[in-house]
PDB file of N, CA and C in Angstrom:
ATOM      1  N   MET A   1     -26.182 -28.378 -82.644  1.00  0.00           N
ATOM      2  CA  MET A   1     -26.672 -28.752 -81.337  1.00  0.00           C
ATOM      3  C   MET A   1     -26.119 -30.126 -80.993  1.00  0.00           C
ATOM      4  N   LYS A   2     -25.607 -30.255 -79.804  1.00  0.00           N
ATOM      5  CA  LYS A   2     -25.041 -31.512 -79.354  1.00  0.00           C
ATOM      6  C   LYS A   2     -25.661 -31.856 -78.012  1.00  0.00           C
ATOM      7  N   ILE A   3     -26.178 -33.116 -77.947  1.00  0.00           N
ATOM      8  CA  ILE A   3     -26.796 -33.576 -76.703  1.00  0.00           C
ATOM      9  C   ILE A   3     -26.010 -34.785 -76.209  1.00  0.00           C
ATOM     10  N   THR A   4     -25.656 -34.773 -74.945  1.00  0.00           N
ATOM     11  CA  THR A   4     -24.941 -35.878 -74.335  1.00  0.00           C
ATOM     12  C   THR A   4     -25.787 -36.440 -73.213  1.00  0.00           C
ATOM     13  N   ILE A   5     -25.926 -37.773 -73.240  1.00  0.00           N
ATOM     14  CA  ILE A   5     -26.680 -38.438 -72.176  1.00  0.00           C
ATOM     15  C   ILE A   5     -25.739 -39.450 -71.529  1.00  0.00           C
ATOM     16  N   ASN A   6     -25.571 -39.348 -70.253  1.00  0.00           N
ATOM     17  CA  ASN A   6     -24.772 -40.302 -69.498  1.00  0.00           C
ATOM     18  C   ASN A   6     -25.704 -41.211 -68.718  1.00  0.00           C
ATOM     19  N   VAL A   7     -25.504 -42.502 -68.863  1.00  0.00           N
ATOM     20  CA  VAL A   7     -26.329 -43.467 -68.147  1.00  0.00           C
ATOM     21  C   VAL A   7     -25.417 -44.217 -67.188  1.00  0.00           C
ATOM     22  N   ASP A   8     -25.757 -44.196 -65.937  1.00  0.00           N
ATOM     23  CA  ASP A   8     -24.970 -44.883 -64.924  1.00  0.00           C
ATOM     24  C   ASP A   8     -25.753 -46.108 -64.459  1.00  0.00           C
ATOM     25  N   CYS A   9     -25.344 -47.266 -64.999  1.00  0.00           N
ATOM     26  CA  CYS A   9     -26.015 -48.503 -64.597  1.00  0.00           C
ATOM     27  C   CYS A   9     -25.047 -49.664 -64.733  1.00  0.00           C
ATOM     28  N   SER A  10     -25.382 -50.753 -64.081  1.00  0.00           N
ATOM     29  CA  SER A  10     -24.540 -51.950 -64.151  1.00  0.00           C
ATOM     30  C   SER A  10     -24.866 -52.714 -65.435  1.00  0.00           C
ATOM     31  N   PRO A  11     -24.001 -53.632 -65.847  1.00  0.00           N
ATOM     32  CA  PRO A  11     -24.307 -54.436 -67.035  1.00  0.00           C
ATOM     33  C   PRO A  11     -25.615 -55.228 -66.892  1.00  0.00           C
ATOM     34  N   GLU A  12     -25.876 -55.722 -65.690  1.00  0.00           N
ATOM     35  CA  GLU A  12     -27.125 -56.463 -65.464  1.00  0.00           C
ATOM     36  C   GLU A  12     -28.347 -55.565 -65.659  1.00  0.00           C
ATOM     37  N   GLU A  13     -28.262 -54.336 -65.175  1.00  0.00           N
ATOM     38  CA  GLU A  13     -29.370 -53.394 -65.338  1.00  0.00           C
ATOM     39  C   GLU A  13     -29.564 -53.032 -66.811  1.00  0.00           C
ATOM     40  N   ALA A  14     -28.483 -52.817 -67.525  1.00  0.00           N
ATOM     41  CA  ALA A  14     -28.587 -52.482 -68.947  1.00  0.00           C
ATOM     42  C   ALA A  14     -29.173 -53.660 -69.723  1.00  0.00           C
ATOM     43  N   ARG A  15     -28.735 -54.882 -69.396  1.00  0.00           N
ATOM     44  CA  ARG A  15     -29.229 -56.071 -70.080  1.00  0.00           C
ATOM     45  C   ARG A  15     -30.737 -56.236 -69.867  1.00  0.00           C
ATOM     46  N   SER A  16     -31.194 -56.056 -68.639  1.00  0.00           N
ATOM     47  CA  SER A  16     -32.633 -56.212 -68.376  1.00  0.00           C
ATOM     48  C   SER A  16     -33.433 -55.075 -69.004  1.00  0.00           C
ATOM     49  N   PHE A  17     -32.887 -53.864 -69.030  1.00  0.00           N
ATOM     50  CA  PHE A  17     -33.575 -52.732 -69.647  1.00  0.00           C
ATOM     51  C   PHE A  17     -33.746 -52.944 -71.146  1.00  0.00           C
ATOM     52  N   LEU A  18     -32.717 -53.510 -71.805  1.00  0.00           N
ATOM     53  CA  LEU A  18     -32.784 -53.747 -73.244  1.00  0.00           C
ATOM     54  C   LEU A  18     -33.475 -55.058 -73.595  1.00  0.00           C
ATOM     55  N   GLY A  19     -33.831 -55.854 -72.586  1.00  0.00           N
ATOM     56  CA  GLY A  19     -34.537 -57.115 -72.838  1.00  0.00           C
ATOM     57  C   GLY A  19     -33.623 -58.249 -73.289  1.00  0.00           C
ATOM     58  N   LEU A  20     -32.339 -58.145 -73.000  1.00  0.00           N
ATOM     59  CA  LEU A  20     -31.406 -59.197 -73.382  1.00  0.00           C
ATOM     60  C   LEU A  20     -31.381 -60.297 -72.318  1.00  0.00           C
ATOM     61  N   PRO A  21     -31.127 -61.530 -72.720  1.00  0.00           N
ATOM     62  CA  PRO A  21     -31.132 -62.634 -71.750  1.00  0.00           C
ATOM     63  C   PRO A  21     -29.897 -62.590 -70.848  1.00  0.00           C
ATOM     64  N   ASP A  22     -30.028 -63.174 -69.670  1.00  0.00           N
ATOM     65  CA  ASP A  22     -28.920 -63.292 -68.742  1.00  0.00           C
ATOM     66  C   ASP A  22     -28.119 -64.538 -69.127  1.00  0.00           C
ATOM     67  N   VAL A  23     -26.900 -64.338 -69.584  1.00  0.00           N
ATOM     68  CA  VAL A  23     -26.082 -65.444 -70.065  1.00  0.00           C
ATOM     69  C   VAL A  23     -25.076 -65.928 -69.017  1.00  0.00           C
ATOM     70  N   LYS A  24     -25.154 -65.392 -67.817  1.00  0.00           N
ATOM     71  CA  LYS A  24     -24.189 -65.757 -66.783  1.00  0.00           C
ATOM     72  C   LYS A  24     -24.225 -67.250 -66.439  1.00  0.00           C
ATOM     73  N   PRO A  25     -25.390 -67.888 -66.277  1.00  0.00           N
ATOM     74  CA  PRO A  25     -25.397 -69.329 -65.982  1.00  0.00           C
ATOM     75  C   PRO A  25     -24.777 -70.156 -67.122  1.00  0.00           C
ATOM     76  N   MET A  26     -25.069 -69.790 -68.359  1.00  0.00           N
ATOM     77  CA  MET A  26     -24.501 -70.506 -69.496  1.00  0.00           C
ATOM     78  C   MET A  26     -22.988 -70.292 -69.544  1.00  0.00           C
ATOM     79  N   GLN A  27     -22.536 -69.081 -69.293  1.00  0.00           N
ATOM     80  CA  GLN A  27     -21.113 -68.790 -69.306  1.00  0.00           C
ATOM     81  C   GLN A  27     -20.393 -69.567 -68.201  1.00  0.00           C
ATOM     82  N   THR A  28     -21.003 -69.668 -67.035  1.00  0.00           N
ATOM     83  CA  THR A  28     -20.405 -70.422 -65.934  1.00  0.00           C
ATOM     84  C   THR A  28     -20.285 -71.897 -66.299  1.00  0.00           C
ATOM     85  N   ALA A  29     -21.345 -72.462 -66.892  1.00  0.00           N
ATOM     86  CA  ALA A  29     -21.321 -73.868 -67.297  1.00  0.00           C
ATOM     87  C   ALA A  29     -20.262 -74.118 -68.370  1.00  0.00           C
ATOM     88  N   MET A  30     -20.160 -73.208 -69.333  1.00  0.00           N
ATOM     89  CA  MET A  30     -19.167 -73.372 -70.392  1.00  0.00           C
ATOM     90  C   MET A  30     -17.747 -73.275 -69.843  1.00  0.00           C
ATOM     91  N   MET A  31     -17.521 -72.365 -68.920  1.00  0.00           N
ATOM     92  CA  MET A  31     -16.187 -72.232 -68.336  1.00  0.00           C
ATOM     93  C   MET A  31     -15.817 -73.477 -67.525  1.00  0.00           C
ATOM     94  N   GLU A  32     -16.775 -74.080 -66.836  1.00  0.00           N
ATOM     95  CA  GLU A  32     -16.513 -75.328 -66.111  1.00  0.00           C
ATOM     96  C   GLU A  32     -16.146 -76.447 -67.085  1.00  0.00           C
ATOM     97  N   GLU A  33     -16.853 -76.525 -68.208  1.00  0.00           N
ATOM     98  CA  GLU A  33     -16.552 -77.542 -69.229  1.00  0.00           C
ATOM     99  C   GLU A  33     -15.163 -77.344 -69.814  1.00  0.00           C
ATOM    100  N   VAL A  34     -14.822 -76.097 -70.114  1.00  0.00           N
ATOM    101  CA  VAL A  34     -13.488 -75.796 -70.652  1.00  0.00           C
ATOM    102  C   VAL A  34     -12.421 -76.190 -69.635  1.00  0.00           C
ATOM    103  N   GLU A  35     -12.653 -75.874 -68.372  1.00  0.00           N
ATOM    104  CA  GLU A  35     -11.695 -76.215 -67.322  1.00  0.00           C
ATOM    105  C   GLU A  35     -11.539 -77.729 -67.193  1.00  0.00           C
ATOM    106  N   ASN A  36     -12.641 -78.475 -67.245  1.00  0.00           N
ATOM    107  CA  ASN A  36     -12.570 -79.937 -67.157  1.00  0.00           C
ATOM    108  C   ASN A  36     -11.786 -80.524 -68.328  1.00  0.00           C
ATOM    109  N   ARG A  37     -12.026 -80.016 -69.512  1.00  0.00           N
ATOM    110  CA  ARG A  37     -11.304 -80.521 -70.691  1.00  0.00           C
ATOM    111  C   ARG A  37      -9.817 -80.191 -70.615  1.00  0.00           C
ATOM    112  N   MET A  38      -9.499 -79.004 -70.137  1.00  0.00           N
ATOM    113  CA  MET A  38      -8.098 -78.630 -70.004  1.00  0.00           C
ATOM    114  C   MET A  38      -7.397 -79.517 -68.978  1.00  0.00           C
ATOM    115  N   ARG A  39      -8.076 -79.816 -67.873  1.00  0.00           N
ATOM    116  CA  ARG A  39      -7.484 -80.695 -66.864  1.00  0.00           C
ATOM    117  C   ARG A  39      -7.248 -82.093 -67.436  1.00  0.00           C
ATOM    118  N   ALA A  40      -8.214 -82.609 -68.205  1.00  0.00           N
ATOM    119  CA  ALA A  40      -8.064 -83.927 -68.813  1.00  0.00           C
ATOM    120  C   ALA A  40      -6.886 -83.946 -69.785  1.00  0.00           C
ATOM    121  N   ASN A  41      -6.735 -82.892 -70.571  1.00  0.00           N
ATOM    122  CA  ASN A  41      -5.613 -82.815 -71.508  1.00  0.00           C
ATOM    123  C   ASN A  41      -4.283 -82.676 -70.778  1.00  0.00           C
ATOM    124  N   MET A  42      -4.270 -81.960 -69.675  1.00  0.00           N
ATOM    125  CA  MET A  42      -3.033 -81.821 -68.910  1.00  0.00           C
ATOM    126  C   MET A  42      -2.619 -83.156 -68.308  1.00  0.00           C
ATOM    127  N   GLU A  43      -3.586 -83.957 -67.862  1.00  0.00           N
ATOM    128  CA  GLU A  43      -3.273 -85.278 -67.327  1.00  0.00           C
ATOM    129  C   GLU A  43      -2.704 -86.170 -68.420  1.00  0.00           C
ATOM    130  N   ALA A  44      -3.214 -86.029 -69.636  1.00  0.00           N
ATOM    131  CA  ALA A  44      -2.710 -86.836 -70.753  1.00  0.00           C
ATOM    132  C   ALA A  44      -1.300 -86.407 -71.142  1.00  0.00           C
ATOM    133  N   MET A  45      -0.902 -85.198 -70.797  1.00  0.00           N
ATOM    134  CA  MET A  45       0.429 -84.707 -71.145  1.00  0.00           C
ATOM    135  C   MET A  45       1.451 -84.972 -70.040  1.00  0.00           C
ATOM    136  N   ASP A  46       1.077 -85.762 -69.042  1.00  0.00           N
ATOM    137  CA  ASP A  46       1.996 -86.129 -67.972  1.00  0.00           C
ATOM    138  C   ASP A  46       3.183 -86.872 -68.572  1.00  0.00           C
ATOM    139  N   PRO A  47       4.406 -86.469 -68.280  1.00  0.00           N
ATOM    140  CA  PRO A  47       5.576 -87.104 -68.908  1.00  0.00           C
ATOM    141  C   PRO A  47       5.621 -88.623 -68.727  1.00  0.00           C
ATOM    142  N   GLU A  48       5.227 -89.101 -67.562  1.00  0.00           N
ATOM    143  CA  GLU A  48       5.259 -90.546 -67.323  1.00  0.00           C
ATOM    144  C   GLU A  48       4.287 -91.276 -68.248  1.00  0.00           C
ATOM    145  N   ILE A  49       3.093 -90.733 -68.415  1.00  0.00           N
ATOM    146  CA  ILE A  49       2.098 -91.353 -69.300  1.00  0.00           C
ATOM    147  C   ILE A  49       2.568 -91.283 -70.749  1.00  0.00           C
ATOM    148  N   LEU A  50       3.152 -90.149 -71.148  1.00  0.00           N
ATOM    149  CA  LEU A  50       3.655 -90.028 -72.514  1.00  0.00           C
ATOM    150  C   LEU A  50       4.746 -91.052 -72.794  1.00  0.00           C
ATOM    151  N   MET A  51       5.652 -91.249 -71.845  1.00  0.00           N
ATOM    152  CA  MET A  51       6.731 -92.208 -72.043  1.00  0.00           C
ATOM    153  C   MET A  51       6.184 -93.629 -72.146  1.00  0.00           C
ATOM    154  N   LYS A  52       5.185 -93.951 -71.319  1.00  0.00           N
ATOM    155  CA  LYS A  52       4.585 -95.289 -71.383  1.00  0.00           C
ATOM    156  C   LYS A  52       3.870 -95.496 -72.707  1.00  0.00           C
ATOM    157  N   THR A  53       3.290 -94.443 -73.237  1.00  0.00           N
ATOM    158  CA  THR A  53       2.556 -94.543 -74.497  1.00  0.00           C
ATOM    159  C   THR A  53       3.499 -94.656 -75.684  1.00  0.00           C
ATOM    160  N   TRP A  54       4.533 -93.840 -75.724  1.00  0.00           N
ATOM    161  CA  TRP A  54       5.386 -93.751 -76.906  1.00  0.00           C
ATOM    162  C   TRP A  54       6.583 -94.697 -76.861  1.00  0.00           C
ATOM    163  N   LEU A  55       7.151 -94.902 -75.696  1.00  0.00           N
ATOM    164  CA  LEU A  55       8.421 -95.606 -75.610  1.00  0.00           C
ATOM    165  C   LEU A  55       8.364 -97.071 -76.036  1.00  0.00           C
ATOM    166  N   PRO A  56       7.381 -97.860 -75.621  1.00  0.00           N
ATOM    167  CA  PRO A  56       7.412 -99.268 -76.037  1.00  0.00           C
ATOM    168  C   PRO A  56       7.451 -99.442 -77.550  1.00  0.00           C
ATOM    169  N   ALA A  57       6.655 -98.717 -78.271  1.00  0.00           N
ATOM    170  CA  ALA A  57       6.662 -98.824 -79.733  1.00  0.00           C
ATOM    171  C   ALA A  57       7.986 -98.332 -80.289  1.00  0.00           C
ATOM    172  N   GLY A  58       8.534 -97.297 -79.703  1.00  0.00           N
ATOM    173  CA  GLY A  58       9.808 -96.769 -80.165  1.00  0.00           C
ATOM    174  C   GLY A  58      10.947 -97.749 -79.940  1.00  0.00           C
ATOM    175  N   ILE A  59      10.948 -98.405 -78.801  1.00  0.00           N
ATOM    176  CA  ILE A  59      12.007 -99.372 -78.507  1.00  0.00           C
ATOM    177  C   ILE A  59      11.894-100.576 -79.420  1.00  0.00           C
ATOM    178  N   GLU A  60      10.682-101.071 -79.622  1.00  0.00           N
ATOM    179  CA  GLU A  60      10.498-102.222 -80.510  1.00  0.00           C
ATOM    180  C   GLU A  60      10.928-101.874 -81.932  1.00  0.00           C
ATOM    181  N   GLY A  61      10.579-100.698 -82.395  1.00  0.00           N
ATOM    182  CA  GLY A  61      10.977-100.274 -83.738  1.00  0.00           C
ATOM    183  C   GLY A  61      12.486-100.133 -83.840  1.00  0.00           C
ATOM    184  N   PHE A  62      13.106 -99.586 -82.792  1.00  0.00           N
ATOM    185  CA  PHE A  62      14.560 -99.435 -82.785  1.00  0.00           C
ATOM    186  C   PHE A  62      15.242-100.797 -82.771  1.00  0.00           C
ATOM    187  N   GLU A  63      14.712-101.723 -81.960  1.00  0.00           N
ATOM    188  CA  GLU A  63      15.301-103.065 -81.904  1.00  0.00           C
ATOM    189  C   GLU A  63      15.184-103.765 -83.253  1.00  0.00           C
ATOM    190  N   GLN A  64      14.044-103.607 -83.907  1.00  0.00           N
ATOM    191  CA  GLN A  64      13.862-104.225 -85.228  1.00  0.00           C
ATOM    192  C   GLN A  64      14.840-103.628 -86.236  1.00  0.00           C
ATOM    193  N   MET A  65      15.015-102.311 -86.192  1.00  0.00           N
ATOM    194  CA  MET A  65      15.952-101.666 -87.101  1.00  0.00           C
ATOM    195  C   MET A  65      17.380-102.141 -86.810  1.00  0.00           C
ATOM    196  N   GLN A  66      17.710-102.293 -85.531  1.00  0.00           N
ATOM    197  CA  GLN A  66      19.044-102.754 -85.146  1.00  0.00           C
ATOM    198  C   GLN A  66      19.281-104.194 -85.634  1.00  0.00           C
ATOM    199  N   LYS A  67      18.288-105.064 -85.490  1.00  0.00           N
ATOM    200  CA  LYS A  67      18.412-106.444 -85.965  1.00  0.00           C
ATOM    201  C   LYS A  67      18.619-106.477 -87.479  1.00  0.00           C
ATOM    202  N   THR A  68      17.859-105.672 -88.192  1.00  0.00           N
ATOM    203  CA  THR A  68      18.006-105.606 -89.644  1.00  0.00           C
ATOM    204  C   THR A  68      19.402-105.118 -90.019  1.00  0.00           C
ATOM    205  N   PHE A  69      19.863-104.087 -89.319  1.00  0.00           N
ATOM    206  CA  PHE A  69      21.196-103.554 -89.580  1.00  0.00           C
ATOM    207  C   PHE A  69      22.267-104.625 -89.364  1.00  0.00           C
ATOM    208  N   TRP A  70      22.184-105.328 -88.245  1.00  0.00           N
ATOM    209  CA  TRP A  70      23.196-106.351 -87.950  1.00  0.00           C
ATOM    210  C   TRP A  70      23.098-107.520 -88.927  1.00  0.00           C
ATOM    211  N   ALA A  71      21.880-107.842 -89.351  1.00  0.00           N
ATOM    212  CA  ALA A  71      21.723-108.918 -90.335  1.00  0.00           C
ATOM    213  C   ALA A  71      22.384-108.520 -91.652  1.00  0.00           C
ATOM    214  N   GLN A  72      22.191-107.273 -92.070  1.00  0.00           N
ATOM    215  CA  GLN A  72      22.809-106.788 -93.308  1.00  0.00           C
ATOM    216  C   GLN A  72      24.329-106.741 -93.171  1.00  0.00           C
ATOM    217  N   MET A  73      24.796-106.322 -92.008  1.00  0.00           N
ATOM    218  CA  MET A  73      26.250-106.266 -91.775  1.00  0.00           C
ATOM    219  C   MET A  73      26.836-107.680 -91.789  1.00  0.00           C
ATOM    220  N   GLY A  74      26.099-108.633 -91.213  1.00  0.00           N
ATOM    221  CA  GLY A  74      26.575-110.015 -91.171  1.00  0.00           C
ATOM    222  C   GLY A  74      26.649-110.617 -92.551  1.00  0.00           C
ATOM    223  N   GLN A  75      25.673-110.303 -93.405  1.00  0.00           N
ATOM    224  CA  GLN A  75      25.679-110.831 -94.777  1.00  0.00           C
ATOM    225  C   GLN A  75      26.809-110.207 -95.574  1.00  0.00           C
ATOM    226  N   GLY A  76      27.032-108.941 -95.396  1.00  0.00           N
ATOM    227  CA  GLY A  76      28.103-108.246 -96.115  1.00  0.00           C
ATOM    228  C   GLY A  76      29.467-108.739 -95.675  1.00  0.00           C
ATOM    229  N   GLY A  77      29.630-108.982 -94.402  1.00  0.00           N
ATOM    230  CA  GLY A  77      30.913-109.446 -93.883  1.00  0.00           C
ATOM    231  C   GLY A  77      31.212-110.875 -94.322  1.00  0.00           C
ATOM    232  N   SER A  78      30.209-111.737 -94.365  1.00  0.00           N
ATOM    233  CA  SER A  78      30.454-113.123 -94.754  1.00  0.00           C
ATOM    234  C   SER A  78      30.749-113.220 -96.254  1.00  0.00           C
ATOM    235  N   ALA A  79      30.199-112.321 -97.047  1.00  0.00           N
ATOM    236  CA  ALA A  79      30.468-112.349 -98.491  1.00  0.00           C
ATOM    237  C   ALA A  79      31.911-111.964 -98.750  1.00  0.00           C
ATOM    238  N   LYS A  80      32.459-111.033 -97.970  1.00  0.00           N
ATOM    239  CA  LYS A  80      33.848-110.621 -98.155  1.00  0.00           C
ATOM    240  C   LYS A  80      34.805-111.747 -97.729  1.00  0.00           C
ATOM    241  N   ASP A  81      34.446-112.475 -96.691  1.00  0.00           N
ATOM    242  CA  ASP A  81      35.316-113.542 -96.207  1.00  0.00           C
ATOM    243  C   ASP A  81      35.437-114.672 -97.214  1.00  0.00           C
ATOM    244  N   THR A  82      34.383-114.942 -97.990  1.00  0.00           N
ATOM    245  CA  THR A  82      34.417-116.052 -98.952  1.00  0.00           C
ATOM    246  C   THR A  82      35.127-115.678-100.232  1.00  0.00           C
ATOM    247  N   ASP A  83      35.293-114.378-100.514  1.00  0.00           N
ATOM    248  CA  ASP A  83      35.960-113.962-101.758  1.00  0.00           C
ATOM    249  C   ASP A  83      37.422-114.197-101.734  1.00  0.00           C
TER     250      ASP A  83
END
């Protein structure tokens, strides 16, 4: 014996019939929070802001490395001249 029951109802009707809570307000609030955080992260990924954040330290480090390189080259060159 096989019995089939078809129930035609909306999710809201099924939720209230089974006594489950309505999570739509919480879901809406969470989606707004996710959207706000994503927007904040997208603003932080703006190329101009990234360049301002990373470039000064990179240039200073490169300049320091270049000065060290030239200082080493200068010492090596002067030692050869005196020999």
